Structures are given as C-alpha cells and as structure tokens.
PDB file of N, CA and C in Angstrom:
ATOM      1  N   MET A   1     -55.858 -18.800  -6.795  1.00  0.00           N
ATOM      2  CA  MET A   1     -55.590 -17.727  -5.870  1.00  0.00           C
ATOM      3  C   MET A   1     -55.291 -16.387  -6.778  1.00  0.00           C
ATOM      4  N   THR A   2     -55.937 -15.337  -6.285  1.00  0.00           N
ATOM      5  CA  THR A   2     -55.585 -14.051  -7.052  1.00  0.00           C
ATOM      6  C   THR A   2     -54.261 -13.377  -6.562  1.00  0.00           C
ATOM      7  N   THR A   3     -54.007 -12.494  -7.215  1.00  0.00           N
ATOM      8  CA  THR A   3     -52.708 -11.756  -6.863  1.00  0.00           C
ATOM      9  C   THR A   3     -52.880 -11.051  -5.567  1.00  0.00           C
ATOM     10  N   ALA A   4     -54.107 -10.507  -5.204  1.00  0.00           N
ATOM     11  CA  ALA A   4     -54.227  -9.771  -4.014  1.00  0.00           C
ATOM     12  C   ALA A   4     -54.184 -10.883  -2.728  1.00  0.00           C
ATOM     13  N   GLU A   5     -54.915 -12.113  -3.008  1.00  0.00           N
ATOM     14  CA  GLU A   5     -54.799 -13.089  -2.007  1.00  0.00           C
ATOM     15  C   GLU A   5     -53.451 -13.528  -1.600  1.00  0.00           C
ATOM     16  N   THR A   6     -52.463 -13.641  -2.760  1.00  0.00           N
ATOM     17  CA  THR A   6     -51.180 -14.103  -2.627  1.00  0.00           C
ATOM     18  C   THR A   6     -50.238 -13.104  -1.761  1.00  0.00           C
ATOM     19  N   GLN A   7     -50.593 -11.880  -2.195  1.00  0.00           N
ATOM     20  CA  GLN A   7     -49.602 -10.659  -1.507  1.00  0.00           C
ATOM     21  C   GLN A   7     -50.269 -10.542   0.063  1.00  0.00           C
ATOM     22  N   SER A   8     -51.461 -10.801   0.263  1.00  0.00           N
ATOM     23  CA  SER A   8     -51.994 -10.718   1.620  1.00  0.00           C
ATOM     24  C   SER A   8     -51.329 -11.895   2.394  1.00  0.00           C
ATOM     25  N   SER A   9     -51.356 -13.130   1.812  1.00  0.00           N
ATOM     26  CA  SER A   9     -50.792 -14.369   2.429  1.00  0.00           C
ATOM     27  C   SER A   9     -49.363 -13.922   2.718  1.00  0.00           C
ATOM     28  N   GLY A  10     -48.599 -13.511   1.790  1.00  0.00           N
ATOM     29  CA  GLY A  10     -47.191 -13.293   1.980  1.00  0.00           C
ATOM     30  C   GLY A  10     -46.870 -12.298   2.922  1.00  0.00           C
ATOM     31  N   ALA A  11     -47.582 -11.220   3.065  1.00  0.00           N
ATOM     32  CA  ALA A  11     -47.399  -9.992   4.074  1.00  0.00           C
ATOM     33  C   ALA A  11     -47.780 -10.760   5.456  1.00  0.00           C
ATOM     34  N   LYS A  12     -48.766 -11.480   5.479  1.00  0.00           N
ATOM     35  CA  LYS A  12     -49.254 -12.121   6.721  1.00  0.00           C
ATOM     36  C   LYS A  12     -48.149 -12.928   7.290  1.00  0.00           C
ATOM     37  N   LYS A  13     -47.395 -13.799   6.463  1.00  0.00           N
ATOM     38  CA  LYS A  13     -46.465 -14.821   6.829  1.00  0.00           C
ATOM     39  C   LYS A  13     -45.134 -13.771   7.253  1.00  0.00           C
ATOM     40  N   ASP A  14     -44.813 -12.848   6.469  1.00  0.00           N
ATOM     41  CA  ASP A  14     -43.702 -11.892   6.897  1.00  0.00           C
ATOM     42  C   ASP A  14     -43.856 -11.225   8.240  1.00  0.00           C
ATOM     43  N   LEU A  15     -45.122 -10.855   8.439  1.00  0.00           N
ATOM     44  CA  LEU A  15     -45.541 -10.179   9.787  1.00  0.00           C
ATOM     45  C   LEU A  15     -45.428 -11.066  10.984  1.00  0.00           C
ATOM     46  N   ILE A  16     -45.805 -12.475  10.799  1.00  0.00           N
ATOM     47  CA  ILE A  16     -45.556 -13.657  11.707  1.00  0.00           C
ATOM     48  C   ILE A  16     -44.064 -13.780  12.014  1.00  0.00           C
ATOM     49  N   VAL A  17     -43.468 -13.751  11.004  1.00  0.00           N
ATOM     50  CA  VAL A  17     -41.952 -14.120  11.142  1.00  0.00           C
ATOM     51  C   VAL A  17     -41.258 -12.879  11.984  1.00  0.00           C
ATOM     52  N   TYR A  18     -41.648 -11.581  11.470  1.00  0.00           N
ATOM     53  CA  TYR A  18     -41.193 -10.508  12.158  1.00  0.00           C
ATOM     54  C   TYR A  18     -41.550 -10.351  13.733  1.00  0.00           C
ATOM     55  N   VAL A  19     -42.810 -10.789  14.043  1.00  0.00           N
ATOM     56  CA  VAL A  19     -43.170 -10.787  15.331  1.00  0.00           C
ATOM     57  C   VAL A  19     -42.355 -11.879  16.114  1.00  0.00           C
ATOM     58  N   CYS A  20     -42.157 -13.043  15.476  1.00  0.00           N
ATOM     59  CA  CYS A  20     -41.320 -14.168  16.200  1.00  0.00           C
ATOM     60  C   CYS A  20     -39.985 -13.645  16.421  1.00  0.00           C
ATOM     61  N   ILE A  21     -39.289 -12.921  15.429  1.00  0.00           N
ATOM     62  CA  ILE A  21     -37.961 -12.410  15.708  1.00  0.00           C
ATOM     63  C   ILE A  21     -37.978 -11.326  16.772  1.00  0.00           C
ATOM     64  N   LEU A  22     -38.997 -10.529  16.900  1.00  0.00           N
ATOM     65  CA  LEU A  22     -39.211  -9.615  18.029  1.00  0.00           C
ATOM     66  C   LEU A  22     -39.262 -10.376  19.391  1.00  0.00           C
ATOM     67  N   ALA A  23     -40.003 -11.439  19.292  1.00  0.00           N
ATOM     68  CA  ALA A  23     -40.235 -12.200  20.477  1.00  0.00           C
ATOM     69  C   ALA A  23     -38.887 -12.792  21.075  1.00  0.00           C
ATOM     70  N   LEU A  24     -38.197 -13.206  20.006  1.00  0.00           N
ATOM     71  CA  LEU A  24     -36.710 -13.764  20.227  1.00  0.00           C
ATOM     72  C   LEU A  24     -35.762 -12.744  20.906  1.00  0.00           C
ATOM     73  N   ALA A  25     -35.880 -11.373  20.283  1.00  0.00           N
ATOM     74  CA  ALA A  25     -35.247 -10.332  20.847  1.00  0.00           C
ATOM     75  C   ALA A  25     -35.502 -10.030  22.287  1.00  0.00           C
ATOM     76  N   GLY A  26     -36.738 -10.262  22.606  1.00  0.00           N
ATOM     77  CA  GLY A  26     -37.153 -10.023  23.856  1.00  0.00           C
ATOM     78  C   GLY A  26     -36.749 -10.960  24.851  1.00  0.00           C
ATOM     79  N   ILE A  27     -36.678 -12.223  24.410  1.00  0.00           N
ATOM     80  CA  ILE A  27     -36.093 -13.389  25.145  1.00  0.00           C
ATOM     81  C   ILE A  27     -34.547 -13.120  25.480  1.00  0.00           C
ATOM     82  N   GLN A  28     -33.921 -12.546  24.448  1.00  0.00           N
ATOM     83  CA  GLN A  28     -32.438 -12.247  24.757  1.00  0.00           C
ATOM     84  C   GLN A  28     -32.346 -11.175  25.723  1.00  0.00           C
ATOM     85  N   PHE A  29     -33.258 -10.167  25.697  1.00  0.00           N
ATOM     86  CA  PHE A  29     -33.197  -9.305  26.773  1.00  0.00           C
ATOM     87  C   PHE A  29     -33.430  -9.856  28.320  1.00  0.00           C
ATOM     88  N   LEU A  30     -34.366 -10.886  28.319  1.00  0.00           N
ATOM     89  CA  LEU A  30     -34.693 -11.453  29.488  1.00  0.00           C
ATOM     90  C   LEU A  30     -33.436 -12.387  29.968  1.00  0.00           C
ATOM     91  N   ILE A  31     -32.688 -12.871  29.087  1.00  0.00           N
ATOM     92  CA  ILE A  31     -31.579 -13.859  29.289  1.00  0.00           C
ATOM     93  C   ILE A  31     -30.450 -12.921  29.952  1.00  0.00           C
ATOM     94  N   ALA A  32     -30.378 -11.813  29.177  1.00  0.00           N
ATOM     95  CA  ALA A  32     -29.313 -10.798  29.699  1.00  0.00           C
ATOM     96  C   ALA A  32     -29.454 -10.414  31.157  1.00  0.00           C
ATOM     97  N   TYR A  33     -30.552 -10.301  31.723  1.00  0.00           N
ATOM     98  CA  TYR A  33     -30.961  -9.773  33.074  1.00  0.00           C
ATOM     99  C   TYR A  33     -30.934 -10.981  34.060  1.00  0.00           C
ATOM    100  N   GLN A  34     -30.871 -12.274  33.654  1.00  0.00           N
ATOM    101  CA  GLN A  34     -30.798 -13.237  34.500  1.00  0.00           C
ATOM    102  C   GLN A  34     -29.505 -13.196  35.284  1.00  0.00           C
ATOM    103  N   ASP A  35     -29.587 -13.998  36.569  1.00  0.00           N
ATOM    104  CA  ASP A  35     -28.298 -13.996  37.315  1.00  0.00           C
ATOM    105  C   ASP A  35     -27.849 -15.455  37.169  1.00  0.00           C
ATOM    106  N   ILE A  36     -27.017 -15.814  35.968  1.00  0.00           N
ATOM    107  CA  ILE A  36     -26.502 -16.978  35.555  1.00  0.00           C
ATOM    108  C   ILE A  36     -24.875 -16.609  35.214  1.00  0.00           C
ATOM    109  N   SER A  37     -24.334 -17.676  35.142  1.00  0.00           N
ATOM    110  CA  SER A  37     -22.784 -17.577  34.927  1.00  0.00           C
ATOM    111  C   SER A  37     -22.587 -17.122  33.370  1.00  0.00           C
ATOM    112  N   ALA A  38     -21.484 -16.653  32.976  1.00  0.00           N
ATOM    113  CA  ALA A  38     -21.178 -16.011  31.913  1.00  0.00           C
ATOM    114  C   ALA A  38     -21.334 -17.176  30.749  1.00  0.00           C
ATOM    115  N   SER A  39     -20.703 -18.382  30.958  1.00  0.00           N
ATOM    116  CA  SER A  39     -20.789 -19.491  30.019  1.00  0.00           C
ATOM    117  C   SER A  39     -22.339 -19.979  29.887  1.00  0.00           C
ATOM    118  N   GLN A  40     -23.101 -19.834  30.877  1.00  0.00           N
ATOM    119  CA  GLN A  40     -24.550 -20.220  30.465  1.00  0.00           C
ATOM    120  C   GLN A  40     -25.204 -19.137  29.710  1.00  0.00           C
ATOM    121  N   MET A  41     -24.863 -17.987  30.033  1.00  0.00           N
ATOM    122  CA  MET A  41     -25.525 -16.785  29.175  1.00  0.00           C
ATOM    123  C   MET A  41     -25.097 -16.820  27.910  1.00  0.00           C
ATOM    124  N   PHE A  42     -23.726 -17.171  27.634  1.00  0.00           N
ATOM    125  CA  PHE A  42     -23.240 -17.130  26.215  1.00  0.00           C
ATOM    126  C   PHE A  42     -23.929 -18.410  25.508  1.00  0.00           C
ATOM    127  N   VAL A  43     -24.088 -19.313  26.022  1.00  0.00           N
ATOM    128  CA  VAL A  43     -24.725 -20.598  25.143  1.00  0.00           C
ATOM    129  C   VAL A  43     -26.182 -20.238  24.826  1.00  0.00           C
ATOM    130  N   ARG A  44     -27.003 -19.456  25.890  1.00  0.00           N
ATOM    131  CA  ARG A  44     -28.135 -19.367  25.732  1.00  0.00           C
ATOM    132  C   ARG A  44     -28.511 -18.216  24.682  1.00  0.00           C
ATOM    133  N   MET A  45     -27.545 -17.289  24.645  1.00  0.00           N
ATOM    134  CA  MET A  45     -27.693 -16.167  23.786  1.00  0.00           C
ATOM    135  C   MET A  45     -27.359 -16.728  22.435  1.00  0.00           C
ATOM    136  N   LEU A  46     -26.452 -17.429  22.346  1.00  0.00           N
ATOM    137  CA  LEU A  46     -26.010 -18.017  20.996  1.00  0.00           C
ATOM    138  C   LEU A  46     -27.052 -18.781  20.335  1.00  0.00           C
ATOM    139  N   ILE A  47     -27.703 -19.694  21.123  1.00  0.00           N
ATOM    140  CA  ILE A  47     -28.931 -20.468  20.519  1.00  0.00           C
ATOM    141  C   ILE A  47     -29.937 -19.515  20.070  1.00  0.00           C
ATOM    142  N   VAL A  48     -30.270 -18.592  20.769  1.00  0.00           N
ATOM    143  CA  VAL A  48     -31.345 -17.750  20.408  1.00  0.00           C
ATOM    144  C   VAL A  48     -30.967 -16.846  19.194  1.00  0.00           C
ATOM    145  N   ALA A  49     -29.568 -16.381  19.147  1.00  0.00           N
ATOM    146  CA  ALA A  49     -29.298 -15.576  18.133  1.00  0.00           C
ATOM    147  C   ALA A  49     -29.073 -16.553  16.651  1.00  0.00           C
ATOM    148  N   VAL A  50     -29.018 -17.752  16.907  1.00  0.00           N
ATOM    149  CA  VAL A  50     -28.881 -18.704  15.677  1.00  0.00           C
ATOM    150  C   VAL A  50     -30.344 -18.931  15.203  1.00  0.00           C
ATOM    151  N   VAL A  51     -31.219 -19.081  16.119  1.00  0.00           N
ATOM    152  CA  VAL A  51     -32.645 -19.246  15.640  1.00  0.00           C
ATOM    153  C   VAL A  51     -33.270 -17.999  15.003  1.00  0.00           C
ATOM    154  N   GLU A  52     -32.737 -16.903  15.564  1.00  0.00           N
ATOM    155  CA  GLU A  52     -33.071 -15.408  14.946  1.00  0.00           C
ATOM    156  C   GLU A  52     -32.614 -15.419  13.560  1.00  0.00           C
ATOM    157  N   ALA A  53     -31.312 -15.636  13.455  1.00  0.00           N
ATOM    158  CA  ALA A  53     -30.671 -15.644  12.061  1.00  0.00           C
ATOM    159  C   ALA A  53     -31.296 -16.597  11.189  1.00  0.00           C
ATOM    160  N   ALA A  54     -31.487 -17.640  11.571  1.00  0.00           N
ATOM    161  CA  ALA A  54     -32.171 -18.746  10.666  1.00  0.00           C
ATOM    162  C   ALA A  54     -33.484 -18.242  10.157  1.00  0.00           C
ATOM    163  N   LEU A  55     -34.374 -17.777  10.859  1.00  0.00           N
ATOM    164  CA  LEU A  55     -35.693 -17.254  10.609  1.00  0.00           C
ATOM    165  C   LEU A  55     -35.569 -16.127   9.612  1.00  0.00           C
ATOM    166  N   ALA A  56     -34.726 -15.051   9.848  1.00  0.00           N
ATOM    167  CA  ALA A  56     -34.443 -14.051   8.948  1.00  0.00           C
ATOM    168  C   ALA A  56     -33.826 -14.425   7.592  1.00  0.00           C
ATOM    169  N   LEU A  57     -32.977 -15.355   7.615  1.00  0.00           N
ATOM    170  CA  LEU A  57     -32.388 -15.880   6.337  1.00  0.00           C
ATOM    171  C   LEU A  57     -33.481 -16.730   5.670  1.00  0.00           C
ATOM    172  N   LEU A  58     -34.081 -17.654   6.181  1.00  0.00           N
ATOM    173  CA  LEU A  58     -35.261 -18.483   5.525  1.00  0.00           C
ATOM    174  C   LEU A  58     -36.286 -17.615   5.064  1.00  0.00           C
ATOM    175  N   PHE A  59     -36.742 -16.580   5.716  1.00  0.00           N
ATOM    176  CA  PHE A  59     -37.985 -16.034   5.210  1.00  0.00           C
ATOM    177  C   PHE A  59     -37.744 -14.749   4.543  1.00  0.00           C
ATOM    178  N   PHE A  60     -36.859 -13.772   5.087  1.00  0.00           N
ATOM    179  CA  PHE A  60     -36.707 -12.634   4.425  1.00  0.00           C
ATOM    180  C   PHE A  60     -35.767 -12.527   3.228  1.00  0.00           C
ATOM    181  N   MET A  61     -34.925 -13.707   3.181  1.00  0.00           N
ATOM    182  CA  MET A  61     -34.033 -13.792   2.012  1.00  0.00           C
ATOM    183  C   MET A  61     -34.501 -14.820   1.144  1.00  0.00           C
ATOM    184  N   HIS A  62     -35.808 -15.378   1.448  1.00  0.00           N
ATOM    185  CA  HIS A  62     -36.656 -16.405   0.572  1.00  0.00           C
ATOM    186  C   HIS A  62     -35.527 -17.584   0.374  1.00  0.00           C
ATOM    187  N   LEU A  63     -34.953 -17.978   1.405  1.00  0.00           N
ATOM    188  CA  LEU A  63     -34.197 -19.315   1.169  1.00  0.00           C
ATOM    189  C   LEU A  63     -35.065 -20.391   1.242  1.00  0.00           C
ATOM    190  N   TRP A  64     -36.367 -20.282   2.017  1.00  0.00           N
ATOM    191  CA  TRP A  64     -37.051 -21.518   2.190  1.00  0.00           C
ATOM    192  C   TRP A  64     -37.840 -21.876   0.848  1.00  0.00           C
ATOM    193  N   GLU A  65     -37.871 -20.807  -0.086  1.00  0.00           N
ATOM    194  CA  GLU A  65     -38.367 -21.174  -1.459  1.00  0.00           C
ATOM    195  C   GLU A  65     -37.518 -22.023  -2.477  1.00  0.00           C
ATOM    196  N   ASN A  66     -36.275 -21.860  -2.238  1.00  0.00           N
ATOM    197  CA  ASN A  66     -35.205 -22.309  -3.152  1.00  0.00           C
ATOM    198  C   ASN A  66     -34.167 -23.141  -2.412  1.00  0.00           C
ATOM    199  N   ARG A  67     -34.485 -24.514  -2.607  1.00  0.00           N
ATOM    200  CA  ARG A  67     -33.508 -25.536  -2.090  1.00  0.00           C
ATOM    201  C   ARG A  67     -32.121 -25.321  -2.433  1.00  0.00           C
ATOM    202  N   GLY A  68     -31.903 -25.288  -3.769  1.00  0.00           N
ATOM    203  CA  GLY A  68     -30.557 -24.865  -4.274  1.00  0.00           C
ATOM    204  C   GLY A  68     -29.672 -23.736  -3.721  1.00  0.00           C
ATOM    205  N   LEU A  69     -30.498 -22.697  -3.622  1.00  0.00           N
ATOM    206  CA  LEU A  69     -29.782 -21.487  -2.948  1.00  0.00           C
ATOM    207  C   LEU A  69     -29.502 -21.654  -1.327  1.00  0.00           C
ATOM    208  N   LYS A  70     -30.478 -22.357  -0.882  1.00  0.00           N
ATOM    209  CA  LYS A  70     -30.149 -22.661   0.669  1.00  0.00           C
ATOM    210  C   LYS A  70     -29.102 -23.423   0.781  1.00  0.00           C
ATOM    211  N   TRP A  71     -28.771 -24.607   0.155  1.00  0.00           N
ATOM    212  CA  TRP A  71     -27.474 -25.460   0.090  1.00  0.00           C
ATOM    213  C   TRP A  71     -26.424 -24.530  -0.362  1.00  0.00           C
ATOM    214  N   PHE A  72     -26.324 -23.564  -1.297  1.00  0.00           N
ATOM    215  CA  PHE A  72     -25.216 -22.721  -1.503  1.00  0.00           C
ATOM    216  C   PHE A  72     -24.908 -21.903  -0.367  1.00  0.00           C
ATOM    217  N   VAL A  73     -25.822 -21.339   0.290  1.00  0.00           N
ATOM    218  CA  VAL A  73     -25.537 -20.445   1.310  1.00  0.00           C
ATOM    219  C   VAL A  73     -25.008 -21.117   2.445  1.00  0.00           C
ATOM    220  N   LEU A  74     -25.486 -22.547   2.715  1.00  0.00           N
ATOM    221  CA  LEU A  74     -25.005 -23.151   3.788  1.00  0.00           C
ATOM    222  C   LEU A  74     -23.484 -23.736   3.630  1.00  0.00           C
ATOM    223  N   ILE A  75     -23.054 -24.141   2.430  1.00  0.00           N
ATOM    224  CA  ILE A  75     -21.861 -24.573   2.138  1.00  0.00           C
ATOM    225  C   ILE A  75     -21.094 -23.357   1.931  1.00  0.00           C
ATOM    226  N   PHE A  76     -21.318 -22.195   1.526  1.00  0.00           N
ATOM    227  CA  PHE A  76     -20.577 -21.141   1.302  1.00  0.00           C
ATOM    228  C   PHE A  76     -20.175 -20.591   2.708  1.00  0.00           C
ATOM    229  N   THR A  77     -21.202 -20.708   3.697  1.00  0.00           N
ATOM    230  CA  THR A  77     -20.824 -20.125   4.913  1.00  0.00           C
ATOM    231  C   THR A  77     -19.925 -21.030   5.694  1.00  0.00           C
ATOM    232  N   VAL A  78     -20.164 -22.414   5.721  1.00  0.00           N
ATOM    233  CA  VAL A  78     -19.285 -23.306   6.352  1.00  0.00           C
ATOM    234  C   VAL A  78     -17.873 -23.118   5.801  1.00  0.00           C
ATOM    235  N   SER A  79     -17.714 -22.984   4.324  1.00  0.00           N
ATOM    236  CA  SER A  79     -16.469 -22.888   3.750  1.00  0.00           C
ATOM    237  C   SER A  79     -15.691 -21.427   4.323  1.00  0.00           C
ATOM    238  N   VAL A  80     -16.383 -20.406   4.464  1.00  0.00           N
ATOM    239  CA  VAL A  80     -15.759 -19.019   5.106  1.00  0.00           C
ATOM    240  C   VAL A  80     -15.329 -19.284   6.323  1.00  0.00           C
ATOM    241  N   ILE A  81     -16.194 -19.716   7.247  1.00  0.00           N
ATOM    242  CA  ILE A  81     -16.005 -20.064   8.554  1.00  0.00           C
ATOM    243  C   ILE A  81     -14.559 -21.062   8.634  1.00  0.00           C
ATOM    244  N   LEU A  82     -14.616 -22.270   7.952  1.00  0.00           N
ATOM    245  CA  LEU A  82     -13.420 -22.951   7.979  1.00  0.00           C
ATOM    246  C   LEU A  82     -12.263 -22.169   7.463  1.00  0.00           C
ATOM    247  N   GLY A  83     -12.369 -21.487   6.362  1.00  0.00           N
ATOM    248  CA  GLY A  83     -11.166 -20.654   5.975  1.00  0.00           C
ATOM    249  C   GLY A  83     -10.541 -19.681   6.934  1.00  0.00           C
ATOM    250  N   MET A  84     -11.570 -19.133   7.736  1.00  0.00           N
ATOM    251  CA  MET A  84     -11.230 -18.102   8.792  1.00  0.00           C
ATOM    252  C   MET A  84     -10.446 -19.022   9.806  1.00  0.00           C
ATOM    253  N   GLN A  85     -10.688 -20.177  10.040  1.00  0.00           N
ATOM    254  CA  GLN A  85      -9.954 -20.928  11.110  1.00  0.00           C
ATOM    255  C   GLN A  85      -8.581 -21.261  10.702  1.00  0.00           C
ATOM    256  N   TYR A  86      -8.105 -21.133   9.366  1.00  0.00           N
ATOM    257  CA  TYR A  86      -6.933 -21.543   8.825  1.00  0.00           C
ATOM    258  C   TYR A  86      -5.814 -21.053   9.424  1.00  0.00           C
ATOM    259  N   GLY A  87      -5.846 -19.567   9.993  1.00  0.00           N
ATOM    260  CA  GLY A  87      -4.872 -18.902  10.531  1.00  0.00           C
ATOM    261  C   GLY A  87      -4.435 -19.089  11.839  1.00  0.00           C
ATOM    262  N   TRP A  88      -5.461 -19.799  12.701  1.00  0.00           N
ATOM    263  CA  TRP A  88      -5.314 -20.020  14.080  1.00  0.00           C
ATOM    264  C   TRP A  88      -4.104 -20.667  14.626  1.00  0.00           C
ATOM    265  N   THR A  89      -3.688 -21.648  13.642  1.00  0.00           N
ATOM    266  CA  THR A  89      -2.459 -22.337  13.902  1.00  0.00           C
ATOM    267  C   THR A  89      -1.150 -21.645  13.881  1.00  0.00           C
ATOM    268  N   ASP A  90      -1.324 -20.560  13.185  1.00  0.00           N
ATOM    269  CA  ASP A  90      -0.046 -19.606  13.282  1.00  0.00           C
ATOM    270  C   ASP A  90      -0.112 -18.558  14.301  1.00  0.00           C
ATOM    271  N   SER A  91      -1.147 -18.361  14.955  1.00  0.00           N
ATOM    272  CA  SER A  91      -1.437 -17.375  15.883  1.00  0.00           C
ATOM    273  C   SER A  91      -0.420 -17.185  17.121  1.00  0.00           C
ATOM    274  N   PHE A  92       0.076 -18.266  17.386  1.00  0.00           N
ATOM    275  CA  PHE A  92       1.150 -18.295  18.538  1.00  0.00           C
ATOM    276  C   PHE A  92       2.421 -17.777  18.109  1.00  0.00           C
ATOM    277  N   ARG A  93       2.747 -17.560  16.921  1.00  0.00           N
ATOM    278  CA  ARG A  93       3.967 -16.961  16.422  1.00  0.00           C
ATOM    279  C   ARG A  93       4.211 -15.679  17.006  1.00  0.00           C
ATOM    280  N   ILE A  94       3.117 -14.987  17.300  1.00  0.00           N
ATOM    281  CA  ILE A  94       3.194 -13.444  17.757  1.00  0.00           C
ATOM    282  C   ILE A  94       3.883 -13.557  19.124  1.00  0.00           C
ATOM    283  N   LEU A  95       3.438 -14.549  20.004  1.00  0.00           N
ATOM    284  CA  LEU A  95       4.171 -14.769  21.263  1.00  0.00           C
ATOM    285  C   LEU A  95       5.539 -15.352  21.231  1.00  0.00           C
ATOM    286  N   ASP A  96       5.840 -16.338  20.458  1.00  0.00           N
ATOM    287  CA  ASP A  96       7.062 -17.130  20.386  1.00  0.00           C
ATOM    288  C   ASP A  96       7.958 -16.595  19.255  1.00  0.00           C
ATOM    289  N   GLY A  97       7.458 -16.141  18.225  1.00  0.00           N
ATOM    290  CA  GLY A  97       8.347 -15.658  17.286  1.00  0.00           C
ATOM    291  C   GLY A  97       8.350 -16.815  16.085  1.00  0.00           C
ATOM    292  N   ALA A  98       8.895 -16.583  14.989  1.00  0.00           N
ATOM    293  CA  ALA A  98       8.804 -17.572  14.010  1.00  0.00           C
ATOM    294  C   ALA A  98       9.855 -18.720  14.377  1.00  0.00           C
ATOM    295  N   PRO A  99       9.458 -20.127  14.443  1.00  0.00           N
ATOM    296  CA  PRO A  99      10.252 -21.163  14.781  1.00  0.00           C
ATOM    297  C   PRO A  99      11.512 -21.236  14.102  1.00  0.00           C
ATOM    298  N   TRP A 100      11.541 -20.958  12.920  1.00  0.00           N
ATOM    299  CA  TRP A 100      12.772 -21.179  12.096  1.00  0.00           C
ATOM    300  C   TRP A 100      13.772 -20.033  12.193  1.00  0.00           C
ATOM    301  N   ALA A 101      13.532 -18.947  13.045  1.00  0.00           N
ATOM    302  CA  ALA A 101      14.334 -17.775  13.235  1.00  0.00           C
ATOM    303  C   ALA A 101      15.045 -17.937  14.431  1.00  0.00           C
ATOM    304  N   LYS A 102      15.009 -18.930  15.299  1.00  0.00           N
ATOM    305  CA  LYS A 102      15.885 -19.360  16.529  1.00  0.00           C
ATOM    306  C   LYS A 102      17.023 -19.913  16.365  1.00  0.00           C
TER     307      LYS A 102
END
C-alpha cells in the first residue's frame, strides 16, 4: 500500500467514526425530548455518552492501535475514579461535625 492509499484509508475511517459520533449526539438529542422519567433518561444518556467517549478515545487518540496504552488509560482512569471516591466516607462530617469533637 502506498502512502496516499494509507492516508486515504485513515481519513475515511476517521470520517466514519466522526459521523457515528454525530449520530450518537443526535440520539442524545432525541432522548432529551422523550417523555420519560429522569432516571430512565439518565441511564440512556449515560450509555450513549460512554459509547461516544469510547469511540473518541479509541479512534481519535489511537488507543485501538496500541494495546499497552489502552490498558494504561483504563487502569489510570479506574484508579482516579476510585481515588475520588475515597473522600465520600468523610462527607457527612459537614453535617454532624467531627465525631471526636463531641
């Protein structure tokens, strides 16, 4: 394959992924105007957003090419999310005060 064919193939793949992301954004627009409960809307929007984000990460950040980088990003993201959850156990101190201060 020549360089021009490779660039054309890559541009075509990027365009297809971009159109898919636009279609998913349109689906989110349709979900927003449905007459459903807030919890159903949240779940549907979250699913579509996760698929959109996965497409963007895999193709525009080229994670689909590099398996090691894909695992690094996945593990790093999970670690950050778990680290953010560390403070939730202490969040009730704002309401009740420090337990040792009573």
